[in-house]
N, C-alpha and C. Protein backbone atom coordinates (compact mmCIF):
# COMPACT_ATOMS: atom_id res chain seq x y z
N MET A 1 45.42 111.13 60.24
CA MET A 1 46.81 111.58 59.61
C MET A 1 46.83 110.34 58.51
N LYS A 2 46.63 110.56 57.23
CA LYS A 2 46.72 109.67 56.21
C LYS A 2 48.22 109.28 55.98
N ARG A 3 48.41 107.85 55.65
CA ARG A 3 49.73 107.39 55.53
C ARG A 3 50.25 107.42 54.03
N ILE A 4 51.49 107.73 53.94
CA ILE A 4 51.78 108.04 52.58
C ILE A 4 52.22 106.45 51.93
N GLU A 5 52.13 106.42 50.88
CA GLU A 5 52.55 105.20 49.91
C GLU A 5 53.22 105.69 48.80
N PRO A 6 54.03 104.77 48.12
CA PRO A 6 54.79 105.22 47.13
C PRO A 6 53.82 105.28 45.81
N THR A 7 54.00 106.11 44.81
CA THR A 7 53.18 106.19 43.77
C THR A 7 53.33 105.13 42.76
N ARG A 8 54.64 104.62 42.80
CA ARG A 8 54.83 103.44 41.93
C ARG A 8 56.34 102.94 42.53
N ILE A 9 56.46 101.54 41.94
CA ILE A 9 57.93 100.99 42.22
C ILE A 9 58.58 100.93 40.86
N LYS A 10 59.84 101.25 40.73
CA LYS A 10 60.46 101.33 39.47
C LYS A 10 61.91 100.99 39.57
N GLU A 11 62.48 100.05 38.81
CA GLU A 11 63.69 99.65 38.74
C GLU A 11 64.55 100.36 37.69
N LEU A 12 65.70 101.03 37.95
CA LEU A 12 66.47 101.64 37.14
C LEU A 12 67.98 101.20 37.14
N PRO A 13 68.62 101.57 35.89
CA PRO A 13 70.04 100.97 35.71
C PRO A 13 70.83 101.89 36.34
N ALA A 14 71.99 101.73 36.54
CA ALA A 14 72.96 102.61 37.08
C ALA A 14 73.16 104.04 36.43
N PHE A 15 73.36 104.96 36.97
CA PHE A 15 73.81 106.30 36.01
C PHE A 15 74.58 107.25 37.04
N THR A 16 75.36 107.90 36.22
CA THR A 16 76.14 108.82 36.80
C THR A 16 75.72 110.22 36.95
N LEU A 17 75.98 110.77 38.22
CA LEU A 17 75.82 112.19 38.49
C LEU A 17 76.92 113.24 38.75
N ALA A 18 77.00 114.39 38.30
CA ALA A 18 78.12 115.11 38.73
C ALA A 18 77.61 116.53 39.33
N GLY A 19 78.09 116.91 40.17
CA GLY A 19 77.70 118.18 40.76
C GLY A 19 78.56 118.51 42.02
N ILE A 20 77.99 119.29 42.96
CA ILE A 20 78.66 119.80 44.24
C ILE A 20 77.80 119.16 45.51
N SER A 21 78.85 118.68 46.37
CA SER A 21 78.35 118.09 47.58
C SER A 21 78.78 118.66 48.83
N THR A 22 78.13 117.98 49.94
CA THR A 22 78.42 118.21 51.25
C THR A 22 77.86 117.13 52.01
N ILE A 23 78.43 117.08 53.29
CA ILE A 23 78.30 115.97 54.18
C ILE A 23 77.35 116.52 55.47
N THR A 24 76.48 115.82 55.68
CA THR A 24 75.34 116.55 56.68
C THR A 24 74.75 115.14 57.46
N THR A 25 73.78 115.63 58.38
CA THR A 25 72.87 114.79 59.00
C THR A 25 71.61 115.14 58.97
N ASN A 26 70.61 114.27 59.40
CA ASN A 26 69.23 114.76 59.41
C ASN A 26 69.07 115.89 60.57
N ASP A 27 69.84 115.70 61.82
CA ASP A 27 69.49 116.45 62.80
C ASP A 27 70.19 117.97 62.25
N VAL A 28 71.23 117.91 61.47
CA VAL A 28 71.68 119.35 61.15
C VAL A 28 70.68 119.85 60.22
N GLU A 29 70.03 119.17 59.30
CA GLU A 29 69.17 119.54 58.43
C GLU A 29 67.80 120.07 58.99
N LEU A 30 67.52 119.61 60.19
CA LEU A 30 66.41 120.09 60.78
C LEU A 30 66.59 121.32 61.77
N SER A 31 67.85 121.67 61.85
CA SER A 31 68.09 122.86 62.68
C SER A 31 68.36 124.26 61.63
N LYS A 32 68.72 125.19 62.17
CA LYS A 32 68.99 126.40 61.38
C LYS A 32 70.28 126.33 60.69
N ASP A 33 71.12 125.47 60.82
CA ASP A 33 72.23 125.27 60.26
C ASP A 33 72.27 124.19 59.20
N GLY A 34 71.07 124.03 58.62
CA GLY A 34 71.08 123.09 57.49
C GLY A 34 72.04 123.44 56.30
N LYS A 35 72.45 122.40 55.56
CA LYS A 35 73.60 122.78 54.58
C LYS A 35 72.83 122.53 53.19
N ILE A 36 71.78 121.94 53.01
CA ILE A 36 71.27 121.54 51.65
C ILE A 36 70.72 122.78 51.02
N GLY A 37 69.99 123.57 51.43
CA GLY A 37 69.51 124.81 51.05
C GLY A 37 70.55 125.71 50.33
N LYS A 38 71.75 125.70 51.27
CA LYS A 38 72.93 126.52 50.76
C LYS A 38 73.58 125.87 49.58
N LEU A 39 73.70 124.53 49.69
CA LEU A 39 74.15 123.90 48.40
C LEU A 39 73.30 124.19 46.99
N PHE A 40 71.91 124.08 47.21
CA PHE A 40 71.12 124.49 45.97
C PHE A 40 71.43 125.79 45.43
N GLU A 41 71.45 127.02 46.44
CA GLU A 41 71.83 128.14 46.14
C GLU A 41 73.20 128.25 45.33
N GLN A 42 74.18 127.56 45.75
CA GLN A 42 75.48 127.65 45.23
C GLN A 42 75.56 126.92 43.84
N PHE A 43 74.67 125.80 43.77
CA PHE A 43 74.32 125.24 42.34
C PHE A 43 73.91 126.08 41.41
N TYR A 44 72.84 126.90 41.72
CA TYR A 44 72.36 127.86 40.83
C TYR A 44 73.16 129.11 40.71
N SER A 45 73.69 129.66 41.71
CA SER A 45 74.35 130.96 41.51
C SER A 45 75.76 130.70 40.64
N GLN A 46 76.32 129.57 40.83
CA GLN A 46 77.51 129.29 40.13
C GLN A 46 77.23 128.54 38.76
N ASN A 47 76.04 128.48 38.56
CA ASN A 47 75.60 127.59 37.26
C ASN A 47 76.39 126.46 36.86
N ILE A 48 76.42 125.60 37.96
CA ILE A 48 77.10 124.26 37.89
C ILE A 48 76.82 123.57 36.57
N GLY A 49 75.62 123.37 36.37
CA GLY A 49 75.03 122.76 35.06
C GLY A 49 75.64 123.18 33.78
N LYS A 50 75.83 124.54 33.63
CA LYS A 50 76.51 124.98 32.43
C LYS A 50 77.94 124.67 32.47
N LYS A 51 78.64 124.71 33.84
CA LYS A 51 80.00 124.50 33.71
C LYS A 51 80.29 122.93 33.43
N LEU A 52 79.44 121.99 33.68
CA LEU A 52 79.51 120.82 33.07
C LEU A 52 78.99 120.29 31.76
N GLY A 53 78.56 121.41 31.11
CA GLY A 53 78.05 121.37 29.88
C GLY A 53 76.80 120.79 29.52
N VAL A 54 75.99 120.81 30.61
CA VAL A 54 74.73 120.14 30.62
C VAL A 54 73.71 121.31 30.89
N ASP A 55 72.73 121.48 29.96
CA ASP A 55 71.55 122.38 30.13
C ASP A 55 70.34 121.66 31.07
N ILE A 56 70.50 122.30 32.18
CA ILE A 56 69.41 121.79 33.19
C ILE A 56 67.84 121.98 32.75
N GLN A 57 67.78 122.95 31.78
CA GLN A 57 66.58 123.34 31.34
C GLN A 57 66.04 122.31 30.29
N GLU A 58 66.98 121.40 29.90
CA GLU A 58 66.68 120.55 29.15
C GLU A 58 66.42 119.21 29.82
N SER A 59 67.35 118.85 30.75
CA SER A 59 67.37 117.62 31.33
C SER A 59 67.04 117.55 32.69
N GLY A 60 66.61 118.55 33.42
CA GLY A 60 66.48 118.57 34.75
C GLY A 60 67.70 118.28 35.81
N HIS A 61 67.39 118.17 36.92
CA HIS A 61 68.70 118.13 37.88
C HIS A 61 68.19 117.24 39.08
N TYR A 62 69.12 116.81 39.79
CA TYR A 62 68.91 115.94 40.86
C TYR A 62 69.60 116.26 42.20
N SER A 63 68.95 115.92 43.22
CA SER A 63 69.67 115.83 44.56
C SER A 63 69.77 114.61 45.06
N CYS A 64 71.05 114.14 45.15
CA CYS A 64 71.15 112.83 45.53
C CYS A 64 71.78 112.34 46.91
N TYR A 65 71.36 111.56 47.64
CA TYR A 65 71.68 111.26 49.03
C TYR A 65 72.43 109.84 49.03
N PHE A 66 73.81 109.89 49.33
CA PHE A 66 74.46 108.56 49.37
C PHE A 66 75.61 108.47 50.47
N ASN A 67 76.36 107.46 50.39
CA ASN A 67 77.41 107.19 51.47
C ASN A 67 76.90 107.52 52.87
N TYR A 68 75.63 106.72 53.06
CA TYR A 68 74.95 106.73 54.38
C TYR A 68 76.08 106.02 55.55
N GLU A 69 76.29 106.59 56.57
CA GLU A 69 77.23 106.17 57.59
C GLU A 69 76.44 105.20 58.38
N GLN A 70 75.04 105.51 58.89
CA GLN A 70 74.39 104.78 59.84
C GLN A 70 72.82 104.82 59.27
N GLU A 71 72.71 104.53 58.02
CA GLU A 71 71.44 104.65 57.56
C GLU A 71 70.69 106.09 57.65
N ASP A 72 69.80 106.47 58.24
CA ASP A 72 69.24 107.73 58.35
C ASP A 72 69.69 108.44 59.68
N LYS A 73 70.37 107.86 60.57
CA LYS A 73 70.64 108.28 61.73
C LYS A 73 72.01 109.02 61.78
N GLY A 74 72.84 109.01 60.88
CA GLY A 74 74.29 109.40 60.82
C GLY A 74 74.54 110.23 59.82
N LEU A 75 75.92 110.41 59.45
CA LEU A 75 76.29 111.31 58.49
C LEU A 75 75.94 110.71 57.15
N TYR A 76 75.59 111.60 56.12
CA TYR A 76 75.40 111.05 54.76
C TYR A 76 75.77 112.27 53.77
N GLU A 77 76.15 111.98 52.61
CA GLU A 77 76.45 112.86 51.48
C GLU A 77 75.28 113.27 50.85
N VAL A 78 75.27 114.53 50.32
CA VAL A 78 74.29 114.89 49.32
C VAL A 78 74.87 115.79 48.42
N MET A 79 74.41 115.52 47.07
CA MET A 79 74.92 116.34 46.10
C MET A 79 73.89 116.87 45.15
N VAL A 80 73.95 118.15 44.93
CA VAL A 80 73.02 118.65 43.77
C VAL A 80 73.66 118.47 42.57
N SER A 81 73.12 118.02 41.51
CA SER A 81 73.70 117.37 40.43
C SER A 81 72.87 117.47 39.14
N VAL A 82 73.88 117.09 37.97
CA VAL A 82 73.02 116.87 36.78
C VAL A 82 73.56 115.48 36.12
N PRO A 83 72.97 114.55 35.33
CA PRO A 83 73.34 113.42 34.84
C PRO A 83 74.54 113.64 33.80
N VAL A 84 75.60 113.03 33.82
CA VAL A 84 76.47 112.97 32.85
C VAL A 84 76.88 111.63 32.26
N GLN A 85 77.28 111.52 31.02
CA GLN A 85 77.60 110.36 30.46
C GLN A 85 78.66 109.50 31.07
N GLU A 86 79.72 110.37 31.28
CA GLU A 86 80.92 109.47 31.83
C GLU A 86 81.51 110.47 32.75
N ALA A 87 82.03 109.99 33.94
CA ALA A 87 82.70 110.77 35.10
C ALA A 87 83.85 111.34 34.58
N LYS A 88 84.87 110.80 33.65
CA LYS A 88 85.92 111.24 33.21
C LYS A 88 85.83 112.79 32.48
N GLN A 89 84.73 112.94 31.95
CA GLN A 89 84.43 114.16 31.10
C GLN A 89 84.64 115.39 32.18
N ILE A 90 84.58 115.30 33.40
CA ILE A 90 84.63 116.40 34.32
C ILE A 90 85.72 116.55 35.14
N GLU A 91 86.71 115.60 34.86
CA GLU A 91 87.89 115.42 35.78
C GLU A 91 88.61 116.76 36.14
N ASN A 92 88.66 117.70 35.25
CA ASN A 92 89.46 118.91 35.45
C ASN A 92 88.67 120.15 36.00
N LEU A 93 87.40 119.82 36.52
CA LEU A 93 86.71 120.86 37.07
C LEU A 93 86.81 120.92 38.57
N ASN A 94 87.37 121.94 39.32
CA ASN A 94 87.44 122.05 40.61
C ASN A 94 86.00 122.01 41.29
N MET A 95 86.04 121.29 42.52
CA MET A 95 84.99 121.17 43.26
C MET A 95 83.81 120.47 42.89
N ILE A 96 83.99 119.80 41.76
CA ILE A 96 82.83 119.15 41.12
C ILE A 96 83.22 117.51 41.56
N ASN A 97 82.10 116.92 42.04
CA ASN A 97 82.26 115.53 42.41
C ASN A 97 81.35 114.56 41.51
N THR A 98 81.58 113.26 41.40
CA THR A 98 80.64 112.51 40.84
C THR A 98 80.16 111.40 41.73
N TYR A 99 79.07 110.75 41.39
CA TYR A 99 78.63 109.69 42.03
C TYR A 99 77.83 108.82 41.15
N THR A 100 78.26 107.56 40.91
CA THR A 100 77.29 106.71 40.17
C THR A 100 76.37 105.94 41.06
N VAL A 101 75.19 106.24 41.05
CA VAL A 101 73.92 105.73 41.46
C VAL A 101 73.81 104.36 40.94
N PRO A 102 73.83 103.36 41.85
CA PRO A 102 73.83 102.00 41.47
C PRO A 102 72.51 101.51 40.86
N SER A 103 72.44 100.50 40.28
CA SER A 103 71.10 100.05 39.54
C SER A 103 70.31 99.55 40.91
N ALA A 104 69.03 99.89 40.98
CA ALA A 104 68.45 99.60 42.21
C ALA A 104 66.76 99.57 41.80
N LYS A 105 66.10 99.09 42.76
CA LYS A 105 64.69 99.05 42.86
C LYS A 105 64.27 100.14 43.76
N TYR A 106 63.39 101.24 43.25
CA TYR A 106 63.00 102.40 43.99
C TYR A 106 61.51 102.40 44.27
N ALA A 107 61.19 102.87 45.54
CA ALA A 107 59.78 103.39 45.80
C ALA A 107 59.88 104.97 45.33
N VAL A 108 58.91 105.21 44.54
CA VAL A 108 58.80 106.69 44.10
C VAL A 108 57.64 107.42 44.60
N PHE A 109 58.05 108.38 45.31
CA PHE A 109 57.18 109.46 45.82
C PHE A 109 56.99 110.64 44.90
N VAL A 110 55.62 111.16 44.88
CA VAL A 110 55.56 112.38 44.07
C VAL A 110 55.10 113.42 45.08
N THR A 111 55.79 114.57 45.27
CA THR A 111 55.58 115.70 46.15
C THR A 111 54.10 116.20 45.75
N GLU A 112 53.54 117.05 46.68
CA GLU A 112 52.32 117.82 46.31
C GLU A 112 52.94 118.93 45.58
N ARG A 113 51.97 119.67 44.70
CA ARG A 113 52.27 120.91 44.21
C ARG A 113 52.48 122.03 45.09
N GLY A 114 53.33 122.92 44.99
CA GLY A 114 53.46 124.04 45.99
C GLY A 114 54.75 124.50 46.06
N LYS A 115 55.20 125.45 46.97
CA LYS A 115 56.54 125.87 47.06
C LYS A 115 57.51 124.69 47.38
N ILE A 116 58.39 124.49 46.44
CA ILE A 116 59.08 123.33 46.41
C ILE A 116 59.86 122.86 47.55
N VAL A 117 60.59 123.87 48.25
CA VAL A 117 61.25 123.48 49.46
C VAL A 117 60.32 122.83 50.48
N GLU A 118 59.24 123.46 50.76
CA GLU A 118 58.35 122.94 51.69
C GLU A 118 57.57 121.45 51.36
N MET A 119 57.45 121.51 49.98
CA MET A 119 56.73 120.21 49.47
C MET A 119 57.77 119.11 49.60
N VAL A 120 59.01 119.30 49.39
CA VAL A 120 59.98 118.18 49.38
C VAL A 120 60.42 117.84 51.02
N GLN A 121 60.48 118.90 51.92
CA GLN A 121 60.44 118.66 53.29
C GLN A 121 59.32 117.83 53.79
N ARG A 122 58.22 117.97 53.53
CA ARG A 122 57.05 117.38 53.91
C ARG A 122 56.97 116.09 53.53
N THR A 123 57.32 115.87 52.26
CA THR A 123 57.24 114.53 51.74
C THR A 123 58.26 113.65 52.35
N TRP A 124 59.60 114.27 52.59
CA TRP A 124 60.72 113.36 53.32
C TRP A 124 60.20 112.98 54.73
N ALA A 125 59.54 113.80 55.43
CA ALA A 125 58.91 113.59 56.60
C ALA A 125 58.08 112.32 56.72
N ASP A 126 57.06 112.36 55.66
CA ASP A 126 56.29 111.34 55.38
C ASP A 126 57.05 110.16 55.18
N ILE A 127 57.90 110.14 54.19
CA ILE A 127 58.78 108.89 53.92
C ILE A 127 59.46 108.27 55.18
N TRP A 128 59.97 109.21 55.99
CA TRP A 128 60.59 108.60 57.21
C TRP A 128 59.62 107.77 57.96
N GLN A 129 58.35 108.22 57.97
CA GLN A 129 57.27 107.44 58.78
C GLN A 129 56.94 106.12 57.86
N TRP A 130 56.83 106.27 56.62
CA TRP A 130 56.67 105.32 55.92
C TRP A 130 57.71 104.05 55.88
N SER A 131 58.91 104.65 55.93
CA SER A 131 59.96 103.57 56.16
C SER A 131 60.08 102.95 57.48
N GLN A 132 59.36 103.20 58.45
CA GLN A 132 59.37 102.54 59.66
C GLN A 132 58.32 101.35 59.78
N GLN A 133 57.41 101.32 58.85
CA GLN A 133 56.54 100.40 58.86
C GLN A 133 57.13 98.82 58.61
N PRO A 134 56.51 97.88 59.13
CA PRO A 134 56.97 96.52 58.97
C PRO A 134 57.08 96.10 57.45
N GLY A 135 58.27 95.53 57.33
CA GLY A 135 58.27 94.93 55.85
C GLY A 135 58.99 96.03 54.91
N ILE A 136 59.12 97.26 55.31
CA ILE A 136 59.90 98.21 54.35
C ILE A 136 61.38 98.13 54.82
N GLN A 137 61.97 97.88 53.70
CA GLN A 137 63.52 97.84 53.96
C GLN A 137 64.28 98.84 53.04
N ARG A 138 64.76 99.86 53.37
CA ARG A 138 65.48 100.69 52.53
C ARG A 138 66.91 100.19 52.19
N ALA A 139 67.35 100.45 51.03
CA ALA A 139 68.70 99.85 50.84
C ALA A 139 69.84 100.86 51.15
N TYR A 140 69.62 102.18 51.15
CA TYR A 140 70.59 103.13 51.51
C TYR A 140 71.85 103.23 50.53
N THR A 141 71.56 102.81 49.32
CA THR A 141 72.59 102.88 48.19
C THR A 141 72.51 103.97 47.50
N GLY A 142 71.56 104.88 47.65
CA GLY A 142 71.54 105.97 46.77
C GLY A 142 70.10 106.54 46.54
N ASP A 143 69.60 107.40 47.26
CA ASP A 143 68.24 108.02 47.16
C ASP A 143 68.46 109.27 46.38
N PHE A 144 67.36 109.54 45.55
CA PHE A 144 67.62 111.12 45.14
C PHE A 144 66.30 111.71 44.76
N GLU A 145 66.11 112.99 44.64
CA GLU A 145 64.97 113.70 44.22
C GLU A 145 65.31 114.15 42.77
N TYR A 146 64.34 113.90 42.01
CA TYR A 146 64.42 114.57 40.62
C TYR A 146 63.49 115.75 40.29
N TYR A 147 64.05 116.78 39.81
CA TYR A 147 63.54 117.90 39.58
C TYR A 147 63.51 118.20 38.11
N ASN A 148 62.36 118.14 37.26
CA ASN A 148 62.38 118.22 35.80
C ASN A 148 62.78 119.50 35.48
N LYS A 149 62.82 119.73 34.18
CA LYS A 149 63.26 120.83 33.61
C LYS A 149 62.40 122.08 33.67
N ASP A 150 61.01 121.87 34.07
CA ASP A 150 60.02 123.06 33.96
C ASP A 150 59.73 123.30 35.47
N ILE A 151 60.55 122.86 36.47
CA ILE A 151 60.51 123.17 38.00
C ILE A 151 60.28 124.72 38.28
N LEU A 152 59.12 125.11 38.98
CA LEU A 152 59.19 126.42 39.34
C LEU A 152 59.27 126.50 41.10
N PRO A 153 60.20 127.45 41.59
CA PRO A 153 60.38 127.25 42.94
C PRO A 153 59.11 127.56 43.93
N GLU A 154 58.18 128.36 43.38
CA GLU A 154 57.13 129.00 44.21
C GLU A 154 55.87 127.80 44.02
N ASP A 155 55.83 127.08 42.81
CA ASP A 155 54.87 126.25 42.48
C ASP A 155 55.46 124.99 41.61
N GLY A 156 56.08 124.13 42.41
CA GLY A 156 56.81 123.04 41.73
C GLY A 156 56.24 121.81 42.38
N GLN A 157 56.84 120.64 41.78
CA GLN A 157 56.62 119.27 42.22
C GLN A 157 57.92 118.54 41.79
N ALA A 158 58.25 117.60 42.62
CA ALA A 158 59.33 116.83 42.48
C ALA A 158 58.97 115.24 42.80
N GLU A 159 59.94 114.42 42.26
CA GLU A 159 59.74 113.21 42.50
C GLU A 159 60.98 112.69 43.56
N ILE A 160 60.77 111.72 44.49
CA ILE A 160 61.78 111.27 45.37
C ILE A 160 61.73 109.87 45.14
N TYR A 161 62.99 109.34 44.78
CA TYR A 161 63.17 107.84 44.71
C TYR A 161 64.05 107.45 45.99
N ILE A 162 63.34 106.42 46.55
CA ILE A 162 63.88 105.76 47.87
C ILE A 162 64.50 104.24 47.25
N ALA A 163 65.87 103.89 47.35
CA ALA A 163 66.15 102.78 47.14
C ALA A 163 65.62 101.65 48.09
N ILE A 164 65.10 100.60 47.77
CA ILE A 164 64.68 99.53 48.57
C ILE A 164 65.00 98.14 48.22
N LYS A 165 65.05 97.25 49.38
CA LYS A 165 65.59 95.93 49.06
C LYS A 165 64.41 95.04 48.48
């Protein structure tokens, strides 16, 4: 079994995301009761990007993981979202949450090309193995998947950013 390594290390300034979120655990996501897939369905079926005045076909979208309770062993919040300039621009929209991803250093992983749901799940499994190696210290301040504007569900590729110390 080959060991996954980040394709690059990148430092990013803080940025704000707005979207819909849920609280879950890795155990729930590995069961038939997973919430993340339903969150993506809701994001697209309710055209959340358009409600926020953001054309996801132009800017892509994010799935952000934050508010970790016990690192990757407990509850965390996940938000399917788009970047916004300021959180206050969406204050009057029901069910929309914001999160400012703090400035951080990230290990960036690029999924293989294929059915995007499967590729992202496979890459996360590899990341969990990678993060167990000596010397790897995740920050748990806000990890995210970035889906570019040209993403195709059946033949896509995403980038996964893991905040590291």
